[in-house]
Amino acid sequence: MKSVLILMLIGLSMITTVYGVTCMQGYDARSSWVSRNEWKKLQCLADEECLRGDGSVSVTAYYFFTVSATIQIGMCRRSDVCRNDTCEDISNELWIKFKKEFYAGGIKDFTLSSCTLACCNTDLCNKQTAKVIQKSDNDLPQ
């Protein structure tokens, strides 16, 4: 009986998920044609931190019109990935999201014209803009 209890405790400890910070997950996209704001709080895994991205995009849809938009994104990212993310990496994810949610496949060109990314590791820290997060990281003692 004792060995069964020990095995059950070991099994439970193996499936326990350890959580870390809470981040804002989602996006805000604004243009003359589209306005979407979809955010929620998400508990990240222990090895993740919050990513914030702010940028401007130019989208050509259905071959004949171009729309400029501002976009903000937030998500949980593995710490080692987050600190090495580039705007190009995030642009690929945004391309997929825009195609799926806004234009139903009618996007013919998607260009990220400006971008700032920042990672942080306190609860809801990515509510701030990427530039504010970057500045607060630079203000920390080395």
N, C-alpha and C. Protein backbone atom coordinates (compact mmCIF):
# COMPACT_ATOMS: atom_id res chain seq x y z
N MET A 1 0.82 -1.19 0.00
CA MET A 1 0.00 0.00 0.00
C MET A 1 0.87 1.26 0.00
N LYS A 2 1.93 1.22 0.76
CA LYS A 2 2.84 2.36 0.83
C LYS A 2 3.48 2.63 -0.54
N SER A 3 3.87 1.57 -1.23
CA SER A 3 4.50 1.75 -2.54
C SER A 3 3.51 2.30 -3.57
N VAL A 4 2.23 1.94 -3.47
CA VAL A 4 1.22 2.46 -4.37
C VAL A 4 1.05 3.97 -4.14
N LEU A 5 1.03 4.38 -2.88
CA LEU A 5 0.90 5.79 -2.54
C LEU A 5 2.10 6.58 -3.05
N ILE A 6 3.27 6.04 -2.90
CA ILE A 6 4.48 6.71 -3.39
C ILE A 6 4.44 6.84 -4.90
N LEU A 7 4.03 5.79 -5.60
CA LEU A 7 3.92 5.86 -7.06
C LEU A 7 2.89 6.89 -7.50
N MET A 8 1.80 6.99 -6.77
CA MET A 8 0.78 7.99 -7.11
C MET A 8 1.32 9.40 -6.91
N LEU A 9 2.05 9.62 -5.83
CA LEU A 9 2.62 10.94 -5.58
C LEU A 9 3.66 11.30 -6.64
N ILE A 10 4.46 10.33 -7.03
CA ILE A 10 5.45 10.57 -8.09
C ILE A 10 4.74 10.91 -9.39
N GLY A 11 3.70 10.17 -9.72
CA GLY A 11 2.94 10.43 -10.93
C GLY A 11 2.31 11.82 -10.93
N LEU A 12 1.74 12.22 -9.79
CA LEU A 12 1.16 13.56 -9.69
C LEU A 12 2.21 14.64 -9.84
N SER A 13 3.37 14.44 -9.26
CA SER A 13 4.41 15.46 -9.36
C SER A 13 4.92 15.59 -10.79
N MET A 14 4.85 14.53 -11.56
CA MET A 14 5.33 14.58 -12.94
C MET A 14 4.36 15.34 -13.84
N ILE A 15 3.07 15.37 -13.50
CA ILE A 15 2.12 16.07 -14.36
C ILE A 15 1.79 17.47 -13.85
N THR A 16 2.40 17.88 -12.75
CA THR A 16 2.17 19.22 -12.23
C THR A 16 2.87 20.23 -13.12
N THR A 17 2.13 21.23 -13.55
CA THR A 17 2.69 22.28 -14.38
C THR A 17 3.06 23.45 -13.48
N VAL A 18 4.24 23.97 -13.68
CA VAL A 18 4.69 25.12 -12.90
C VAL A 18 4.48 26.37 -13.73
N TYR A 19 3.78 27.33 -13.15
CA TYR A 19 3.47 28.56 -13.86
C TYR A 19 4.36 29.69 -13.41
N GLY A 20 4.50 30.67 -14.28
CA GLY A 20 5.32 31.84 -14.00
C GLY A 20 4.47 33.09 -14.01
N VAL A 21 4.92 34.09 -14.75
CA VAL A 21 4.26 35.40 -14.78
C VAL A 21 2.95 35.34 -15.57
N THR A 22 2.12 36.33 -15.32
CA THR A 22 0.89 36.51 -16.09
C THR A 22 1.15 37.60 -17.12
N CYS A 23 0.83 37.33 -18.37
CA CYS A 23 1.06 38.28 -19.46
C CYS A 23 -0.26 38.63 -20.14
N MET A 24 -0.22 39.73 -20.87
CA MET A 24 -1.33 40.08 -21.74
C MET A 24 -1.07 39.37 -23.07
N GLN A 25 -2.03 38.58 -23.50
CA GLN A 25 -1.92 37.85 -24.76
C GLN A 25 -2.97 38.39 -25.71
N GLY A 26 -2.53 38.70 -26.93
CA GLY A 26 -3.49 39.17 -27.91
C GLY A 26 -2.88 40.22 -28.81
N TYR A 27 -3.76 41.07 -29.34
CA TYR A 27 -3.29 42.07 -30.28
C TYR A 27 -4.29 43.22 -30.37
N ASP A 28 -3.81 44.31 -30.91
CA ASP A 28 -4.62 45.47 -31.24
C ASP A 28 -4.18 45.88 -32.64
N ALA A 29 -5.08 45.94 -33.56
CA ALA A 29 -4.76 46.34 -34.94
C ALA A 29 -5.72 47.44 -35.35
N ARG A 30 -5.16 48.53 -35.85
CA ARG A 30 -5.98 49.67 -36.23
C ARG A 30 -5.56 50.23 -37.58
N SER A 31 -6.55 50.43 -38.43
CA SER A 31 -6.33 51.06 -39.73
C SER A 31 -7.60 51.79 -40.11
N SER A 32 -7.61 52.37 -41.29
CA SER A 32 -8.83 53.03 -41.75
C SER A 32 -9.92 52.00 -42.08
N TRP A 33 -9.52 50.75 -42.22
CA TRP A 33 -10.45 49.71 -42.64
C TRP A 33 -10.80 48.71 -41.54
N VAL A 34 -9.88 48.51 -40.61
CA VAL A 34 -10.03 47.48 -39.58
C VAL A 34 -9.67 48.06 -38.22
N SER A 35 -10.43 47.67 -37.22
CA SER A 35 -10.08 48.00 -35.85
C SER A 35 -10.41 46.79 -34.98
N ARG A 36 -9.41 46.16 -34.46
CA ARG A 36 -9.60 44.97 -33.61
C ARG A 36 -8.79 45.13 -32.34
N ASN A 37 -9.36 44.74 -31.24
CA ASN A 37 -8.69 44.80 -29.97
C ASN A 37 -9.06 43.53 -29.21
N GLU A 38 -8.17 42.58 -29.15
CA GLU A 38 -8.45 41.29 -28.53
C GLU A 38 -7.33 40.94 -27.56
N TRP A 39 -7.56 41.17 -26.28
CA TRP A 39 -6.56 40.91 -25.25
C TRP A 39 -7.16 40.05 -24.15
N LYS A 40 -6.34 39.21 -23.55
CA LYS A 40 -6.74 38.47 -22.36
C LYS A 40 -5.49 38.23 -21.51
N LYS A 41 -5.71 38.02 -20.23
CA LYS A 41 -4.61 37.68 -19.34
C LYS A 41 -4.34 36.19 -19.47
N LEU A 42 -3.05 35.84 -19.52
CA LEU A 42 -2.67 34.44 -19.67
C LEU A 42 -1.53 34.12 -18.72
N GLN A 43 -1.69 33.04 -17.97
CA GLN A 43 -0.64 32.57 -17.07
C GLN A 43 0.40 31.82 -17.89
N CYS A 44 1.61 32.31 -17.90
CA CYS A 44 2.68 31.68 -18.67
C CYS A 44 3.30 30.52 -17.89
N LEU A 45 4.00 29.67 -18.62
CA LEU A 45 4.75 28.60 -17.97
C LEU A 45 5.97 29.19 -17.27
N ALA A 46 6.57 28.43 -16.38
CA ALA A 46 7.68 28.93 -15.56
C ALA A 46 8.87 29.41 -16.38
N ASP A 47 9.10 28.82 -17.54
CA ASP A 47 10.27 29.20 -18.35
C ASP A 47 9.93 30.25 -19.41
N GLU A 48 8.79 30.93 -19.24
CA GLU A 48 8.36 31.93 -20.22
C GLU A 48 8.33 33.32 -19.60
N GLU A 49 8.40 34.31 -20.47
CA GLU A 49 8.21 35.69 -20.05
C GLU A 49 7.29 36.37 -21.05
N CYS A 50 7.01 37.64 -20.83
CA CYS A 50 6.06 38.37 -21.67
C CYS A 50 6.79 39.07 -22.81
N LEU A 51 6.23 38.97 -24.00
CA LEU A 51 6.72 39.70 -25.17
C LEU A 51 5.71 40.78 -25.51
N ARG A 52 6.23 41.95 -25.85
CA ARG A 52 5.40 43.04 -26.36
C ARG A 52 6.00 43.49 -27.68
N GLY A 53 5.17 43.65 -28.68
CA GLY A 53 5.61 44.15 -29.97
C GLY A 53 4.71 45.28 -30.42
N ASP A 54 5.31 46.35 -30.90
CA ASP A 54 4.57 47.50 -31.43
C ASP A 54 5.12 47.80 -32.81
N GLY A 55 4.25 48.02 -33.78
CA GLY A 55 4.75 48.29 -35.11
C GLY A 55 3.73 48.89 -36.04
N SER A 56 4.19 49.12 -37.24
CA SER A 56 3.34 49.60 -38.33
C SER A 56 3.49 48.62 -39.49
N VAL A 57 2.38 48.34 -40.14
CA VAL A 57 2.40 47.42 -41.28
C VAL A 57 1.70 48.07 -42.46
N SER A 58 2.05 47.60 -43.63
CA SER A 58 1.38 47.98 -44.86
C SER A 58 0.87 46.68 -45.48
N VAL A 59 -0.42 46.65 -45.74
CA VAL A 59 -1.06 45.43 -46.23
C VAL A 59 -1.71 45.72 -47.58
N THR A 60 -1.37 44.93 -48.59
CA THR A 60 -2.04 45.02 -49.89
C THR A 60 -3.00 43.84 -49.98
N ALA A 61 -4.26 44.17 -50.19
CA ALA A 61 -5.29 43.13 -50.24
C ALA A 61 -5.97 43.12 -51.60
N TYR A 62 -6.26 41.93 -52.03
CA TYR A 62 -7.00 41.72 -53.28
C TYR A 62 -6.39 42.47 -54.47
N TYR A 63 -5.07 42.61 -54.45
CA TYR A 63 -4.29 43.18 -55.56
C TYR A 63 -4.50 44.67 -55.82
N PHE A 64 -5.49 45.30 -55.22
CA PHE A 64 -5.75 46.65 -55.69
C PHE A 64 -5.76 47.75 -54.63
N PHE A 65 -5.70 47.43 -53.35
CA PHE A 65 -5.61 48.54 -52.40
C PHE A 65 -4.65 48.20 -51.27
N THR A 66 -4.02 49.25 -50.77
CA THR A 66 -3.04 49.11 -49.69
C THR A 66 -3.54 49.87 -48.48
N VAL A 67 -3.43 49.24 -47.34
CA VAL A 67 -3.85 49.83 -46.07
C VAL A 67 -2.66 49.84 -45.12
N SER A 68 -2.46 50.96 -44.46
CA SER A 68 -1.45 51.04 -43.40
C SER A 68 -2.15 50.84 -42.07
N ALA A 69 -1.48 50.15 -41.16
CA ALA A 69 -2.09 49.87 -39.86
C ALA A 69 -1.02 49.93 -38.77
N THR A 70 -1.47 50.24 -37.57
CA THR A 70 -0.61 50.11 -36.40
C THR A 70 -1.03 48.82 -35.70
N ILE A 71 -0.08 48.17 -35.11
CA ILE A 71 -0.38 46.90 -34.47
C ILE A 71 0.44 46.75 -33.20
N GLN A 72 -0.20 46.22 -32.19
CA GLN A 72 0.48 45.86 -30.94
C GLN A 72 0.15 44.40 -30.67
N ILE A 73 1.14 43.67 -30.22
CA ILE A 73 0.90 42.26 -29.89
C ILE A 73 1.52 41.96 -28.53
N GLY A 74 1.00 40.94 -27.90
CA GLY A 74 1.54 40.47 -26.63
C GLY A 74 1.36 38.98 -26.54
N MET A 75 2.32 38.31 -25.90
CA MET A 75 2.23 36.86 -25.76
C MET A 75 3.25 36.35 -24.76
N CYS A 76 3.08 35.12 -24.36
CA CYS A 76 4.09 34.42 -23.57
C CYS A 76 5.09 33.80 -24.55
N ARG A 77 6.36 33.92 -24.24
CA ARG A 77 7.41 33.31 -25.06
C ARG A 77 8.44 32.69 -24.13
N ARG A 78 8.98 31.55 -24.54
CA ARG A 78 10.09 30.98 -23.78
C ARG A 78 11.18 32.03 -23.65
N SER A 79 11.75 32.15 -22.48
CA SER A 79 12.72 33.22 -22.21
C SER A 79 13.85 33.24 -23.23
N ASP A 80 14.40 32.09 -23.56
CA ASP A 80 15.52 32.06 -24.50
C ASP A 80 15.08 32.48 -25.91
N VAL A 81 13.85 32.21 -26.27
CA VAL A 81 13.32 32.60 -27.58
C VAL A 81 12.99 34.09 -27.58
N CYS A 82 12.34 34.54 -26.52
CA CYS A 82 11.89 35.93 -26.44
C CYS A 82 13.05 36.90 -26.60
N ARG A 83 14.13 36.65 -25.92
CA ARG A 83 15.27 37.57 -25.95
C ARG A 83 15.99 37.57 -27.30
N ASN A 84 15.71 36.56 -28.12
CA ASN A 84 16.33 36.47 -29.44
C ASN A 84 15.36 36.72 -30.59
N ASP A 85 14.09 36.97 -30.27
CA ASP A 85 13.11 37.24 -31.32
C ASP A 85 13.50 38.48 -32.11
N THR A 86 13.21 38.44 -33.39
CA THR A 86 13.41 39.61 -34.24
C THR A 86 12.05 40.05 -34.77
N CYS A 87 12.02 41.25 -35.31
CA CYS A 87 10.77 41.73 -35.91
C CYS A 87 10.34 40.83 -37.07
N GLU A 88 11.30 40.28 -37.78
CA GLU A 88 10.97 39.37 -38.89
C GLU A 88 10.26 38.11 -38.36
N ASP A 89 10.74 37.57 -37.23
CA ASP A 89 10.07 36.40 -36.64
C ASP A 89 8.61 36.71 -36.33
N ILE A 90 8.41 37.84 -35.69
CA ILE A 90 7.06 38.23 -35.29
C ILE A 90 6.22 38.59 -36.51
N SER A 91 6.83 39.19 -37.51
CA SER A 91 6.13 39.54 -38.75
C SER A 91 5.51 38.30 -39.38
N ASN A 92 6.23 37.19 -39.37
CA ASN A 92 5.69 35.94 -39.93
C ASN A 92 4.44 35.50 -39.18
N GLU A 93 4.45 35.63 -37.85
CA GLU A 93 3.28 35.26 -37.07
C GLU A 93 2.11 36.21 -37.34
N LEU A 94 2.42 37.49 -37.48
CA LEU A 94 1.37 38.47 -37.78
C LEU A 94 0.75 38.22 -39.15
N TRP A 95 1.59 37.88 -40.12
CA TRP A 95 1.12 37.57 -41.49
C TRP A 95 0.05 36.48 -41.43
N ILE A 96 0.31 35.43 -40.69
CA ILE A 96 -0.63 34.32 -40.58
C ILE A 96 -1.92 34.79 -39.91
N LYS A 97 -1.80 35.56 -38.83
CA LYS A 97 -2.98 36.05 -38.11
C LYS A 97 -3.80 37.00 -38.98
N PHE A 98 -3.15 37.93 -39.66
CA PHE A 98 -3.88 38.86 -40.52
C PHE A 98 -4.62 38.12 -41.62
N LYS A 99 -3.94 37.19 -42.28
CA LYS A 99 -4.59 36.44 -43.36
C LYS A 99 -5.83 35.73 -42.85
N LYS A 100 -5.69 35.10 -41.71
CA LYS A 100 -6.77 34.28 -41.18
C LYS A 100 -7.95 35.12 -40.68
N GLU A 101 -7.66 36.17 -39.95
CA GLU A 101 -8.72 36.86 -39.24
C GLU A 101 -9.30 38.06 -39.96
N PHE A 102 -8.53 38.75 -40.77
CA PHE A 102 -9.01 40.01 -41.32
C PHE A 102 -9.42 39.93 -42.78
N TYR A 103 -8.65 39.23 -43.57
CA TYR A 103 -8.87 39.32 -45.01
C TYR A 103 -9.18 37.99 -45.67
N ALA A 104 -9.35 36.98 -44.89
CA ALA A 104 -9.75 35.66 -45.41
C ALA A 104 -8.94 35.24 -46.63
N GLY A 105 -7.64 35.44 -46.55
CA GLY A 105 -6.78 34.96 -47.64
C GLY A 105 -6.57 35.96 -48.76
N GLY A 106 -7.18 37.15 -48.67
CA GLY A 106 -7.04 38.13 -49.74
C GLY A 106 -5.79 38.98 -49.66
N ILE A 107 -4.96 38.75 -48.67
CA ILE A 107 -3.73 39.54 -48.55
C ILE A 107 -2.72 39.07 -49.60
N LYS A 108 -2.20 40.02 -50.34
CA LYS A 108 -1.21 39.68 -51.35
C LYS A 108 0.18 40.16 -50.95
N ASP A 109 0.25 41.15 -50.03
CA ASP A 109 1.54 41.64 -49.56
C ASP A 109 1.36 42.15 -48.14
N PHE A 110 2.35 41.86 -47.31
CA PHE A 110 2.33 42.26 -45.90
C PHE A 110 3.73 42.72 -45.56
N THR A 111 3.90 44.02 -45.29
CA THR A 111 5.22 44.57 -45.03
C THR A 111 5.23 45.26 -43.68
N LEU A 112 6.15 44.85 -42.84
CA LEU A 112 6.35 45.48 -41.55
C LEU A 112 7.26 46.68 -41.76
N SER A 113 6.73 47.89 -41.56
CA SER A 113 7.53 49.08 -41.85
C SER A 113 8.27 49.61 -40.64
N SER A 114 7.79 49.33 -39.44
CA SER A 114 8.53 49.67 -38.23
C SER A 114 8.15 48.67 -37.15
N CYS A 115 9.08 48.47 -36.23
CA CYS A 115 8.83 47.43 -35.23
C CYS A 115 9.73 47.65 -34.02
N THR A 116 9.17 47.48 -32.84
CA THR A 116 9.94 47.48 -31.60
C THR A 116 9.45 46.30 -30.77
N LEU A 117 10.38 45.47 -30.31
CA LEU A 117 10.06 44.32 -29.48
C LEU A 117 10.72 44.47 -28.12
N ALA A 118 10.06 43.93 -27.10
CA ALA A 118 10.66 43.92 -25.76
C ALA A 118 10.11 42.74 -24.98
N CYS A 119 10.95 42.18 -24.13
CA CYS A 119 10.56 41.09 -23.23
C CYS A 119 10.66 41.60 -21.80
N CYS A 120 9.79 41.08 -20.95
CA CYS A 120 9.80 41.47 -19.54
C CYS A 120 9.31 40.28 -18.72
N ASN A 121 9.55 40.32 -17.43
CA ASN A 121 9.22 39.14 -16.63
C ASN A 121 8.56 39.45 -15.29
N THR A 122 7.65 40.42 -15.30
CA THR A 122 6.80 40.65 -14.13
C THR A 122 5.35 40.62 -14.60
N ASP A 123 4.45 40.36 -13.69
CA ASP A 123 3.04 40.21 -14.05
C ASP A 123 2.51 41.43 -14.82
N LEU A 124 1.92 41.15 -15.97
CA LEU A 124 1.26 42.13 -16.83
C LEU A 124 2.19 43.26 -17.30
N CYS A 125 3.47 42.99 -17.28
CA CYS A 125 4.44 44.02 -17.69
C CYS A 125 4.28 44.40 -19.16
N ASN A 126 3.75 43.51 -19.98
CA ASN A 126 3.63 43.84 -21.40
C ASN A 126 2.37 44.64 -21.73
N LYS A 127 1.73 45.21 -20.71
CA LYS A 127 0.69 46.21 -20.95
C LYS A 127 1.34 47.51 -21.42
N GLN A 128 2.58 47.71 -21.03
CA GLN A 128 3.35 48.89 -21.43
C GLN A 128 3.80 48.74 -22.88
N THR A 129 4.15 49.85 -23.51
CA THR A 129 4.68 49.78 -24.87
C THR A 129 6.07 49.14 -24.83
N ALA A 130 6.50 48.63 -25.97
CA ALA A 130 7.83 48.00 -26.06
C ALA A 130 8.93 49.01 -25.70
N LYS A 131 8.79 50.25 -26.12
CA LYS A 131 9.81 51.26 -25.81
C LYS A 131 9.90 51.53 -24.31
N VAL A 132 8.76 51.56 -23.63
CA VAL A 132 8.77 51.76 -22.17
C VAL A 132 9.44 50.57 -21.49
N ILE A 133 9.14 49.37 -21.95
CA ILE A 133 9.76 48.17 -21.37
C ILE A 133 11.26 48.20 -21.60
N GLN A 134 11.68 48.53 -22.82
CA GLN A 134 13.12 48.62 -23.11
C GLN A 134 13.80 49.64 -22.22
N LYS A 135 13.17 50.79 -22.02
CA LYS A 135 13.76 51.83 -21.18
C LYS A 135 13.89 51.35 -19.74
N SER A 136 12.85 50.68 -19.23
CA SER A 136 12.92 50.21 -17.84
C SER A 136 13.99 49.15 -17.68
N ASP A 137 14.21 48.32 -18.71
CA ASP A 137 15.31 47.34 -18.66
C ASP A 137 16.66 48.05 -18.62
N ASN A 138 16.79 49.14 -19.38
CA ASN A 138 18.05 49.89 -19.42
C ASN A 138 18.30 50.64 -18.12
N ASP A 139 17.25 50.95 -17.36
CA ASP A 139 17.40 51.68 -16.11
C ASP A 139 17.82 50.77 -14.95
N LEU A 140 17.77 49.45 -15.15
CA LEU A 140 18.14 48.52 -14.08
C LEU A 140 19.65 48.57 -13.85
N PRO A 141 20.07 48.43 -12.59
CA PRO A 141 21.52 48.40 -12.34
C PRO A 141 22.13 47.15 -12.97
N GLN A 142 23.33 47.31 -13.52
CA GLN A 142 24.01 46.19 -14.17
C GLN A 142 24.80 45.37 -13.17
